[in-house]
Amino acid sequence: MQAFRAAVADVKPLEHAPRVDHAPKPKARPRRRASGARAQDLDAAMPLIAVAQDGSPGSPVAGEAMLSFQRGGVRIQEMRKLRRGLYPPQDELDLHGLNQTAARDRLADFILASRDAGLRCVRIIHGKGYRSGPRGAVLKTAVDSWLRRHLDVLAFASAKAIDGGAGALYVLLRA
């Protein structure tokens, strides 16, 4: 102990500068979509699906088919949690009874608003297409296609039976 005291005997303490409190960083402002070319942008990003002359969509999804999509970089564990419904939906959108154009517009607005609000998981109810007749599940097929193309969607999976089963999706959004 005496050796240490002898070694540091001529050491002078540093002068402390007064502490500066920095103002908190401002929150990032949400990105807004330009309203001018909205229709052209939406047609390019989320095109309407074509329905053949016989009334069936080009590559229809069966009403009872379970949907699943995972963008590159989404971990398998995250996808497993999403499929099991372990991410509680923070909001939901019901597209029942809408035509493709109205459903697409509502879906695009809903995803934008949800992302801007900082929501991580939402539920989209599209139905199973039972009332679509021979056309099959047109809206389900369209929603599947649109969500795969939307850059703010990281992953989606069909909901558990209690939340709508094959007629609804859990959607994981970009933070």
N, C-alpha and C. Protein backbone atom coordinates (compact mmCIF):
# COMPACT_ATOMS: atom_id res chain seq x y z
N MET A 1 0.82 -1.18 0.00
CA MET A 1 0.00 0.00 0.00
C MET A 1 0.87 1.25 0.00
N GLN A 2 1.96 1.22 0.78
CA GLN A 2 2.84 2.39 0.83
C GLN A 2 3.53 2.58 -0.51
N ALA A 3 3.83 1.51 -1.22
CA ALA A 3 4.47 1.62 -2.53
C ALA A 3 3.55 2.32 -3.51
N PHE A 4 2.28 1.99 -3.44
CA PHE A 4 1.31 2.64 -4.33
C PHE A 4 1.20 4.12 -4.03
N ARG A 5 1.10 4.49 -2.75
CA ARG A 5 1.00 5.90 -2.37
C ARG A 5 2.23 6.68 -2.79
N ALA A 6 3.37 6.04 -2.71
CA ALA A 6 4.60 6.70 -3.13
C ALA A 6 4.61 6.91 -4.64
N ALA A 7 4.05 5.93 -5.38
CA ALA A 7 4.04 6.02 -6.84
C ALA A 7 3.08 7.10 -7.33
N VAL A 8 1.99 7.36 -6.63
CA VAL A 8 1.01 8.34 -7.08
C VAL A 8 1.03 9.62 -6.26
N ALA A 9 2.06 9.86 -5.51
CA ALA A 9 2.11 11.02 -4.63
C ALA A 9 2.11 12.33 -5.39
N ASP A 10 2.76 12.42 -6.54
CA ASP A 10 2.83 13.68 -7.27
C ASP A 10 1.79 13.79 -8.39
N VAL A 11 0.78 12.91 -8.39
CA VAL A 11 -0.27 12.96 -9.40
C VAL A 11 -1.30 14.01 -9.01
N LYS A 12 -1.70 14.84 -10.00
CA LYS A 12 -2.71 15.87 -9.78
C LYS A 12 -4.03 15.41 -10.42
N PRO A 13 -5.12 15.59 -9.74
CA PRO A 13 -6.41 15.21 -10.33
C PRO A 13 -6.74 16.10 -11.53
N LEU A 14 -7.43 15.51 -12.52
CA LEU A 14 -7.85 16.28 -13.69
C LEU A 14 -8.98 17.22 -13.32
N GLU A 15 -8.99 18.36 -13.99
CA GLU A 15 -10.09 19.29 -13.78
C GLU A 15 -11.29 18.81 -14.60
N HIS A 16 -12.44 18.80 -13.96
CA HIS A 16 -13.65 18.35 -14.64
C HIS A 16 -14.33 19.53 -15.31
N ALA A 17 -14.67 19.34 -16.59
CA ALA A 17 -15.43 20.37 -17.30
C ALA A 17 -16.87 20.29 -16.83
N PRO A 18 -17.57 21.41 -16.82
CA PRO A 18 -18.98 21.35 -16.40
C PRO A 18 -19.77 20.45 -17.35
N ARG A 19 -20.68 19.73 -16.80
CA ARG A 19 -21.48 18.78 -17.58
C ARG A 19 -22.45 19.54 -18.48
N VAL A 20 -22.51 19.10 -19.74
CA VAL A 20 -23.41 19.72 -20.71
C VAL A 20 -24.57 18.76 -20.96
N ASP A 21 -25.76 19.24 -20.69
CA ASP A 21 -26.95 18.42 -20.97
C ASP A 21 -27.40 18.70 -22.39
N HIS A 22 -27.40 17.66 -23.19
CA HIS A 22 -27.82 17.81 -24.58
C HIS A 22 -29.33 17.66 -24.66
N ALA A 23 -29.91 18.43 -25.54
CA ALA A 23 -31.36 18.33 -25.75
C ALA A 23 -31.68 16.97 -26.38
N PRO A 24 -32.83 16.41 -26.07
CA PRO A 24 -33.17 15.11 -26.66
C PRO A 24 -33.30 15.23 -28.18
N LYS A 25 -32.96 14.14 -28.86
CA LYS A 25 -33.05 14.13 -30.32
C LYS A 25 -34.51 14.22 -30.73
N PRO A 26 -34.80 14.98 -31.77
CA PRO A 26 -36.19 15.05 -32.22
C PRO A 26 -36.62 13.73 -32.83
N LYS A 27 -37.91 13.44 -32.71
CA LYS A 27 -38.43 12.20 -33.30
C LYS A 27 -38.44 12.34 -34.81
N ALA A 28 -38.19 11.23 -35.47
CA ALA A 28 -38.21 11.23 -36.93
C ALA A 28 -39.63 11.46 -37.41
N ARG A 29 -39.77 12.30 -38.41
CA ARG A 29 -41.09 12.55 -38.97
C ARG A 29 -41.45 11.43 -39.93
N PRO A 30 -42.68 10.99 -39.90
CA PRO A 30 -43.07 9.90 -40.81
C PRO A 30 -43.01 10.35 -42.26
N ARG A 31 -42.66 9.40 -43.13
CA ARG A 31 -42.62 9.69 -44.56
C ARG A 31 -44.04 9.74 -45.08
N ARG A 32 -44.32 10.70 -45.89
CA ARG A 32 -45.65 10.83 -46.48
C ARG A 32 -45.57 10.55 -47.98
N ARG A 33 -46.61 9.95 -48.46
CA ARG A 33 -46.70 9.64 -49.87
C ARG A 33 -47.14 10.89 -50.61
N ALA A 34 -46.52 11.14 -51.76
CA ALA A 34 -46.93 12.26 -52.58
C ALA A 34 -48.30 11.96 -53.17
N SER A 35 -49.22 12.90 -53.08
CA SER A 35 -50.58 12.64 -53.52
C SER A 35 -50.76 12.83 -55.02
N GLY A 36 -49.85 13.48 -55.70
CA GLY A 36 -49.99 13.78 -57.11
C GLY A 36 -50.09 12.55 -57.99
N ALA A 37 -49.15 11.66 -57.93
CA ALA A 37 -49.11 10.49 -58.81
C ALA A 37 -49.51 9.23 -58.05
N ARG A 38 -50.43 9.36 -57.12
CA ARG A 38 -50.79 8.23 -56.26
C ARG A 38 -51.35 7.06 -57.06
N ALA A 39 -52.24 7.31 -58.00
CA ALA A 39 -52.87 6.23 -58.74
C ALA A 39 -51.86 5.47 -59.60
N GLN A 40 -50.96 6.19 -60.27
CA GLN A 40 -49.96 5.52 -61.10
C GLN A 40 -48.99 4.73 -60.22
N ASP A 41 -48.58 5.29 -59.09
CA ASP A 41 -47.69 4.59 -58.18
C ASP A 41 -48.35 3.32 -57.64
N LEU A 42 -49.61 3.42 -57.29
CA LEU A 42 -50.33 2.28 -56.75
C LEU A 42 -50.52 1.19 -57.81
N ASP A 43 -50.79 1.60 -59.05
CA ASP A 43 -50.93 0.62 -60.12
C ASP A 43 -49.62 -0.12 -60.36
N ALA A 44 -48.49 0.57 -60.21
CA ALA A 44 -47.19 -0.07 -60.41
C ALA A 44 -46.81 -0.96 -59.23
N ALA A 45 -47.06 -0.48 -58.02
CA ALA A 45 -46.66 -1.23 -56.83
C ALA A 45 -47.62 -2.36 -56.49
N MET A 46 -48.89 -2.13 -56.69
CA MET A 46 -49.90 -3.12 -56.31
C MET A 46 -50.92 -3.26 -57.45
N PRO A 47 -50.56 -3.93 -58.55
CA PRO A 47 -51.48 -4.01 -59.68
C PRO A 47 -52.69 -4.89 -59.37
N LEU A 48 -53.81 -4.55 -60.00
CA LEU A 48 -55.00 -5.37 -59.87
C LEU A 48 -54.74 -6.70 -60.57
N ILE A 49 -55.31 -7.78 -60.04
CA ILE A 49 -55.10 -9.08 -60.68
C ILE A 49 -56.12 -9.24 -61.80
N ALA A 50 -55.70 -9.87 -62.86
CA ALA A 50 -56.58 -10.07 -64.01
C ALA A 50 -57.49 -11.26 -63.76
N VAL A 51 -58.73 -11.10 -64.15
CA VAL A 51 -59.69 -12.20 -64.05
C VAL A 51 -59.96 -12.67 -65.47
N ALA A 52 -59.81 -13.98 -65.72
CA ALA A 52 -59.99 -14.54 -67.05
C ALA A 52 -61.45 -14.46 -67.49
N GLN A 53 -61.70 -14.71 -68.77
CA GLN A 53 -63.05 -14.64 -69.33
C GLN A 53 -64.02 -15.58 -68.60
N ASP A 54 -63.53 -16.73 -68.17
CA ASP A 54 -64.42 -17.66 -67.48
C ASP A 54 -64.68 -17.26 -66.04
N GLY A 55 -64.07 -16.12 -65.62
CA GLY A 55 -64.31 -15.60 -64.28
C GLY A 55 -63.29 -16.00 -63.27
N SER A 56 -62.32 -16.84 -63.64
CA SER A 56 -61.33 -17.29 -62.65
C SER A 56 -60.09 -16.42 -62.72
N PRO A 57 -59.48 -16.10 -61.59
CA PRO A 57 -58.25 -15.31 -61.60
C PRO A 57 -57.11 -16.10 -62.23
N GLY A 58 -56.07 -15.39 -62.66
CA GLY A 58 -54.94 -16.02 -63.35
C GLY A 58 -54.34 -17.18 -62.59
N SER A 59 -53.91 -16.99 -61.39
CA SER A 59 -53.37 -18.07 -60.56
C SER A 59 -54.04 -17.97 -59.20
N PRO A 60 -55.26 -18.50 -59.09
CA PRO A 60 -56.04 -18.30 -57.87
C PRO A 60 -55.48 -19.05 -56.67
N VAL A 61 -55.76 -18.49 -55.51
CA VAL A 61 -55.43 -19.14 -54.24
C VAL A 61 -56.74 -19.74 -53.73
N ALA A 62 -56.72 -21.00 -53.34
CA ALA A 62 -57.93 -21.64 -52.84
C ALA A 62 -58.38 -20.98 -51.54
N GLY A 63 -59.69 -20.97 -51.32
CA GLY A 63 -60.25 -20.31 -50.14
C GLY A 63 -59.71 -20.85 -48.83
N GLU A 64 -59.47 -22.15 -48.75
CA GLU A 64 -58.97 -22.75 -47.51
C GLU A 64 -57.45 -22.83 -47.44
N ALA A 65 -56.76 -22.37 -48.48
CA ALA A 65 -55.29 -22.43 -48.50
C ALA A 65 -54.70 -21.49 -47.46
N MET A 66 -53.67 -21.95 -46.79
CA MET A 66 -52.97 -21.13 -45.81
C MET A 66 -51.86 -20.38 -46.54
N LEU A 67 -51.77 -19.09 -46.30
CA LEU A 67 -50.77 -18.25 -46.96
C LEU A 67 -49.59 -17.99 -46.04
N SER A 68 -48.42 -17.82 -46.63
CA SER A 68 -47.23 -17.54 -45.86
C SER A 68 -46.20 -16.88 -46.77
N PHE A 69 -45.52 -15.88 -46.27
CA PHE A 69 -44.48 -15.18 -47.03
C PHE A 69 -43.46 -14.65 -46.04
N GLN A 70 -42.20 -14.74 -46.44
CA GLN A 70 -41.11 -14.28 -45.58
C GLN A 70 -40.07 -13.61 -46.47
N ARG A 71 -39.83 -12.33 -46.26
CA ARG A 71 -38.83 -11.61 -47.02
C ARG A 71 -37.45 -12.02 -46.52
N GLY A 72 -36.45 -11.94 -47.37
CA GLY A 72 -35.08 -12.27 -46.96
C GLY A 72 -34.66 -11.43 -45.76
N GLY A 73 -34.00 -12.06 -44.81
CA GLY A 73 -33.55 -11.36 -43.62
C GLY A 73 -34.45 -11.55 -42.42
N VAL A 74 -35.65 -12.08 -42.63
CA VAL A 74 -36.56 -12.35 -41.51
C VAL A 74 -36.19 -13.72 -40.95
N ARG A 75 -35.89 -13.74 -39.67
CA ARG A 75 -35.45 -14.99 -39.04
C ARG A 75 -36.58 -16.01 -38.96
N ILE A 76 -36.19 -17.28 -38.98
CA ILE A 76 -37.15 -18.37 -38.92
C ILE A 76 -37.95 -18.30 -37.61
N GLN A 77 -37.28 -17.93 -36.52
CA GLN A 77 -37.97 -17.83 -35.23
C GLN A 77 -39.06 -16.77 -35.26
N GLU A 78 -38.80 -15.65 -35.95
CA GLU A 78 -39.80 -14.58 -36.07
C GLU A 78 -41.02 -15.10 -36.83
N MET A 79 -40.74 -15.83 -37.91
CA MET A 79 -41.82 -16.37 -38.72
C MET A 79 -42.64 -17.38 -37.93
N ARG A 80 -41.98 -18.20 -37.15
CA ARG A 80 -42.67 -19.19 -36.32
C ARG A 80 -43.59 -18.49 -35.32
N LYS A 81 -43.09 -17.42 -34.69
CA LYS A 81 -43.91 -16.66 -33.73
C LYS A 81 -45.11 -16.02 -34.43
N LEU A 82 -44.89 -15.52 -35.64
CA LEU A 82 -45.97 -14.89 -36.39
C LEU A 82 -47.06 -15.91 -36.71
N ARG A 83 -46.66 -17.10 -37.21
CA ARG A 83 -47.63 -18.15 -37.55
C ARG A 83 -48.42 -18.62 -36.33
N ARG A 84 -47.79 -18.65 -35.18
CA ARG A 84 -48.45 -19.11 -33.95
C ARG A 84 -49.29 -18.02 -33.29
N GLY A 85 -49.25 -16.82 -33.84
CA GLY A 85 -50.03 -15.73 -33.28
C GLY A 85 -49.45 -15.14 -32.02
N LEU A 86 -48.14 -15.27 -31.84
CA LEU A 86 -47.50 -14.76 -30.63
C LEU A 86 -47.21 -13.27 -30.69
N TYR A 87 -47.33 -12.66 -31.87
CA TYR A 87 -47.27 -11.21 -31.98
C TYR A 87 -48.71 -10.73 -31.97
N PRO A 88 -49.15 -10.07 -30.92
CA PRO A 88 -50.56 -9.63 -30.91
C PRO A 88 -50.79 -8.54 -31.95
N PRO A 89 -51.83 -8.69 -32.78
CA PRO A 89 -52.12 -7.64 -33.77
C PRO A 89 -52.48 -6.34 -33.07
N GLN A 90 -51.83 -5.27 -33.50
CA GLN A 90 -52.06 -3.97 -32.88
C GLN A 90 -53.18 -3.19 -33.56
N ASP A 91 -53.59 -3.64 -34.74
CA ASP A 91 -54.70 -3.03 -35.46
C ASP A 91 -55.18 -4.04 -36.50
N GLU A 92 -56.35 -3.81 -37.07
CA GLU A 92 -56.84 -4.72 -38.09
C GLU A 92 -57.61 -3.98 -39.17
N LEU A 93 -57.66 -4.58 -40.34
CA LEU A 93 -58.38 -4.04 -41.49
C LEU A 93 -59.26 -5.15 -42.04
N ASP A 94 -60.55 -4.86 -42.23
CA ASP A 94 -61.48 -5.83 -42.79
C ASP A 94 -61.84 -5.41 -44.20
N LEU A 95 -61.52 -6.26 -45.18
CA LEU A 95 -61.75 -5.96 -46.59
C LEU A 95 -62.98 -6.67 -47.16
N HIS A 96 -63.78 -7.32 -46.30
CA HIS A 96 -64.98 -8.03 -46.77
C HIS A 96 -65.87 -7.12 -47.60
N GLY A 97 -66.37 -7.65 -48.71
CA GLY A 97 -67.37 -6.94 -49.51
C GLY A 97 -66.83 -5.84 -50.39
N LEU A 98 -65.52 -5.62 -50.43
CA LEU A 98 -64.96 -4.57 -51.27
C LEU A 98 -64.53 -5.13 -52.62
N ASN A 99 -64.57 -4.30 -53.65
CA ASN A 99 -64.01 -4.72 -54.93
C ASN A 99 -62.49 -4.54 -54.87
N GLN A 100 -61.79 -5.00 -55.90
CA GLN A 100 -60.33 -4.96 -55.89
C GLN A 100 -59.77 -3.55 -55.73
N THR A 101 -60.31 -2.60 -56.45
CA THR A 101 -59.78 -1.24 -56.41
C THR A 101 -59.93 -0.63 -55.02
N ALA A 102 -61.11 -0.76 -54.45
CA ALA A 102 -61.36 -0.21 -53.11
C ALA A 102 -60.50 -0.93 -52.07
N ALA A 103 -60.37 -2.25 -52.20
CA ALA A 103 -59.56 -3.02 -51.25
C ALA A 103 -58.09 -2.62 -51.35
N ARG A 104 -57.61 -2.44 -52.56
CA ARG A 104 -56.20 -2.05 -52.75
C ARG A 104 -55.94 -0.68 -52.14
N ASP A 105 -56.83 0.27 -52.38
CA ASP A 105 -56.65 1.61 -51.83
C ASP A 105 -56.65 1.58 -50.30
N ARG A 106 -57.61 0.86 -49.73
CA ARG A 106 -57.68 0.77 -48.26
C ARG A 106 -56.46 0.07 -47.68
N LEU A 107 -56.01 -0.99 -48.35
CA LEU A 107 -54.85 -1.74 -47.88
C LEU A 107 -53.59 -0.88 -47.91
N ALA A 108 -53.38 -0.15 -49.00
CA ALA A 108 -52.20 0.71 -49.11
C ALA A 108 -52.22 1.80 -48.04
N ASP A 109 -53.38 2.43 -47.84
CA ASP A 109 -53.50 3.47 -46.81
C ASP A 109 -53.29 2.90 -45.41
N PHE A 110 -53.85 1.72 -45.17
CA PHE A 110 -53.74 1.07 -43.86
C PHE A 110 -52.28 0.72 -43.54
N ILE A 111 -51.57 0.17 -44.50
CA ILE A 111 -50.16 -0.19 -44.26
C ILE A 111 -49.34 1.06 -44.01
N LEU A 112 -49.57 2.10 -44.79
CA LEU A 112 -48.84 3.36 -44.60
C LEU A 112 -49.13 3.96 -43.22
N ALA A 113 -50.39 4.01 -42.83
CA ALA A 113 -50.76 4.58 -41.52
C ALA A 113 -50.20 3.72 -40.38
N SER A 114 -50.25 2.41 -40.54
CA SER A 114 -49.73 1.51 -39.50
C SER A 114 -48.23 1.67 -39.34
N ARG A 115 -47.53 1.74 -40.45
CA ARG A 115 -46.08 1.92 -40.39
C ARG A 115 -45.72 3.26 -39.77
N ASP A 116 -46.45 4.31 -40.16
CA ASP A 116 -46.18 5.64 -39.61
C ASP A 116 -46.48 5.70 -38.11
N ALA A 117 -47.44 4.90 -37.66
CA ALA A 117 -47.79 4.86 -36.24
C ALA A 117 -46.83 3.98 -35.45
N GLY A 118 -45.92 3.30 -36.14
CA GLY A 118 -44.94 2.46 -35.46
C GLY A 118 -45.47 1.09 -35.08
N LEU A 119 -46.56 0.66 -35.72
CA LEU A 119 -47.12 -0.66 -35.43
C LEU A 119 -46.23 -1.74 -36.04
N ARG A 120 -46.10 -2.84 -35.36
CA ARG A 120 -45.23 -3.93 -35.81
C ARG A 120 -46.02 -5.07 -36.44
N CYS A 121 -47.19 -5.39 -35.88
CA CYS A 121 -47.99 -6.51 -36.38
C CYS A 121 -49.44 -6.06 -36.52
N VAL A 122 -50.03 -6.34 -37.68
CA VAL A 122 -51.44 -6.01 -37.93
C VAL A 122 -52.14 -7.24 -38.49
N ARG A 123 -53.47 -7.24 -38.43
CA ARG A 123 -54.26 -8.34 -39.00
C ARG A 123 -55.08 -7.78 -40.15
N ILE A 124 -55.06 -8.49 -41.27
CA ILE A 124 -55.85 -8.11 -42.43
C ILE A 124 -56.84 -9.24 -42.70
N ILE A 125 -58.11 -8.91 -42.71
CA ILE A 125 -59.16 -9.90 -42.95
C ILE A 125 -59.61 -9.75 -44.41
N HIS A 126 -59.38 -10.78 -45.20
CA HIS A 126 -59.72 -10.73 -46.61
C HIS A 126 -60.84 -11.70 -46.98
N GLY A 127 -61.16 -12.63 -46.11
CA GLY A 127 -62.20 -13.61 -46.39
C GLY A 127 -61.66 -14.79 -47.19
N LYS A 128 -62.52 -15.80 -47.35
CA LYS A 128 -62.11 -17.02 -48.05
C LYS A 128 -62.67 -17.09 -49.46
N GLY A 129 -63.47 -16.11 -49.85
CA GLY A 129 -63.98 -16.07 -51.22
C GLY A 129 -65.16 -16.98 -51.46
N TYR A 130 -65.89 -17.35 -50.44
CA TYR A 130 -67.04 -18.24 -50.61
C TYR A 130 -68.15 -17.61 -51.46
N ARG A 131 -68.31 -16.28 -51.36
CA ARG A 131 -69.36 -15.61 -52.12
C ARG A 131 -68.89 -15.14 -53.49
N SER A 132 -67.67 -15.49 -53.88
CA SER A 132 -67.14 -15.05 -55.17
C SER A 132 -67.58 -15.96 -56.31
N GLY A 133 -68.20 -17.07 -56.00
CA GLY A 133 -68.70 -17.96 -57.04
C GLY A 133 -67.57 -18.66 -57.78
N PRO A 134 -67.72 -18.83 -59.10
CA PRO A 134 -66.71 -19.56 -59.86
C PRO A 134 -65.38 -18.83 -59.98
N ARG A 135 -65.38 -17.55 -59.66
CA ARG A 135 -64.12 -16.80 -59.75
C ARG A 135 -63.13 -17.24 -58.69
N GLY A 136 -63.58 -17.87 -57.65
CA GLY A 136 -62.69 -18.28 -56.57
C GLY A 136 -62.42 -17.11 -55.63
N ALA A 137 -61.39 -17.24 -54.86
CA ALA A 137 -61.04 -16.23 -53.85
C ALA A 137 -60.22 -15.10 -54.48
N VAL A 138 -60.90 -14.24 -55.22
CA VAL A 138 -60.22 -13.16 -55.95
C VAL A 138 -59.52 -12.21 -55.00
N LEU A 139 -60.21 -11.76 -53.96
CA LEU A 139 -59.62 -10.81 -53.03
C LEU A 139 -58.47 -11.43 -52.25
N LYS A 140 -58.60 -12.68 -51.87
CA LYS A 140 -57.52 -13.36 -51.15
C LYS A 140 -56.28 -13.46 -52.05
N THR A 141 -56.48 -13.81 -53.32
CA THR A 141 -55.38 -13.90 -54.27
C THR A 141 -54.72 -12.54 -54.46
N ALA A 142 -55.54 -11.50 -54.57
CA ALA A 142 -55.02 -10.15 -54.78
C ALA A 142 -54.23 -9.67 -53.56
N VAL A 143 -54.76 -9.88 -52.36
CA VAL A 143 -54.07 -9.45 -51.14
C VAL A 143 -52.74 -10.17 -51.00
N ASP A 144 -52.72 -11.46 -51.31
CA ASP A 144 -51.47 -12.22 -51.29
C ASP A 144 -50.43 -11.59 -52.23
N SER A 145 -50.84 -11.27 -53.43
CA SER A 145 -49.94 -10.66 -54.41
C SER A 145 -49.48 -9.27 -53.97
N TRP A 146 -50.40 -8.44 -53.48
CA TRP A 146 -50.07 -7.08 -53.09
C TRP A 146 -49.11 -7.04 -51.91
N LEU A 147 -49.35 -7.89 -50.92
CA LEU A 147 -48.48 -7.87 -49.75
C LEU A 147 -47.07 -8.35 -50.08
N ARG A 148 -46.94 -9.30 -50.99
CA ARG A 148 -45.62 -9.77 -51.41
C ARG A 148 -44.83 -8.66 -52.09
N ARG A 149 -45.52 -7.77 -52.77
CA ARG A 149 -44.87 -6.68 -53.51
C ARG A 149 -44.60 -5.44 -52.66
N HIS A 150 -45.31 -5.31 -51.55
CA HIS A 150 -45.20 -4.10 -50.73
C HIS A 150 -43.91 -4.14 -49.91
N LEU A 151 -43.09 -3.09 -50.02
CA LEU A 151 -41.77 -3.08 -49.39
C LEU A 151 -41.83 -2.92 -47.87
N ASP A 152 -42.94 -2.43 -47.34
CA ASP A 152 -43.05 -2.28 -45.88
C ASP A 152 -43.48 -3.56 -45.19
N VAL A 153 -43.82 -4.58 -45.97
CA VAL A 153 -44.24 -5.87 -45.41
C VAL A 153 -43.03 -6.79 -45.35
N LEU A 154 -42.66 -7.20 -44.14
CA LEU A 154 -41.53 -8.12 -43.96
C LEU A 154 -41.97 -9.57 -44.08
N ALA A 155 -43.16 -9.88 -43.57
CA ALA A 155 -43.65 -11.26 -43.59
C ALA A 155 -45.14 -11.25 -43.33
N PHE A 156 -45.80 -12.34 -43.74
CA PHE A 156 -47.19 -12.54 -43.36
C PHE A 156 -47.47 -14.02 -43.31
N ALA A 157 -48.49 -14.36 -42.54
CA ALA A 157 -48.91 -15.76 -42.40
C ALA A 157 -50.40 -15.78 -42.10
N SER A 158 -51.06 -16.84 -42.52
CA SER A 158 -52.48 -17.00 -42.22
C SER A 158 -52.67 -17.03 -40.71
N ALA A 159 -53.77 -16.46 -40.29
CA ALA A 159 -54.05 -16.32 -38.86
C ALA A 159 -54.49 -17.66 -38.24
N LYS A 160 -54.44 -17.72 -36.92
CA LYS A 160 -54.99 -18.87 -36.20
C LYS A 160 -56.50 -18.88 -36.39
N ALA A 161 -57.11 -20.04 -36.17
CA ALA A 161 -58.55 -20.20 -36.40
C ALA A 161 -59.37 -19.19 -35.60
N ILE A 162 -58.96 -18.89 -34.39
CA ILE A 162 -59.72 -17.95 -33.55
C ILE A 162 -59.67 -16.52 -34.09
N ASP A 163 -58.65 -16.20 -34.90
CA ASP A 163 -58.49 -14.86 -35.47
C ASP A 163 -58.91 -14.78 -36.93
N GLY A 164 -59.51 -15.83 -37.48
CA GLY A 164 -59.98 -15.78 -38.86
C GLY A 164 -59.44 -16.89 -39.73
N GLY A 165 -58.48 -17.64 -39.26
CA GLY A 165 -57.94 -18.77 -40.01
C GLY A 165 -57.46 -18.39 -41.39
N ALA A 166 -57.88 -19.17 -42.40
CA ALA A 166 -57.44 -18.94 -43.77
C ALA A 166 -58.05 -17.68 -44.39
N GLY A 167 -58.96 -17.03 -43.70
CA GLY A 167 -59.58 -15.81 -44.19
C GLY A 167 -58.95 -14.54 -43.66
N ALA A 168 -57.83 -14.67 -42.95
CA ALA A 168 -57.16 -13.50 -42.38
C ALA A 168 -55.65 -13.73 -42.35
N LEU A 169 -54.91 -12.66 -42.24
CA LEU A 169 -53.45 -12.72 -42.22
C LEU A 169 -52.89 -11.91 -41.07
N TYR A 170 -51.84 -12.43 -40.44
CA TYR A 170 -51.01 -11.63 -39.55
C TYR A 170 -49.91 -11.06 -40.44
N VAL A 171 -49.69 -9.76 -40.36
CA VAL A 171 -48.71 -9.10 -41.22
C VAL A 171 -47.66 -8.43 -40.32
N LEU A 172 -46.40 -8.74 -40.56
CA LEU A 172 -45.29 -8.14 -39.83
C LEU A 172 -44.75 -6.99 -40.67
N LEU A 173 -44.76 -5.77 -40.11
CA LEU A 173 -44.36 -4.58 -40.83
C LEU A 173 -42.93 -4.15 -40.49
N ARG A 174 -42.34 -3.46 -41.44
CA ARG A 174 -41.00 -2.87 -41.23
C ARG A 174 -41.11 -1.81 -40.17
N ALA A 175 -40.14 -1.80 -39.27
CA ALA A 175 -40.16 -0.84 -38.15
C ALA A 175 -39.73 0.55 -38.59
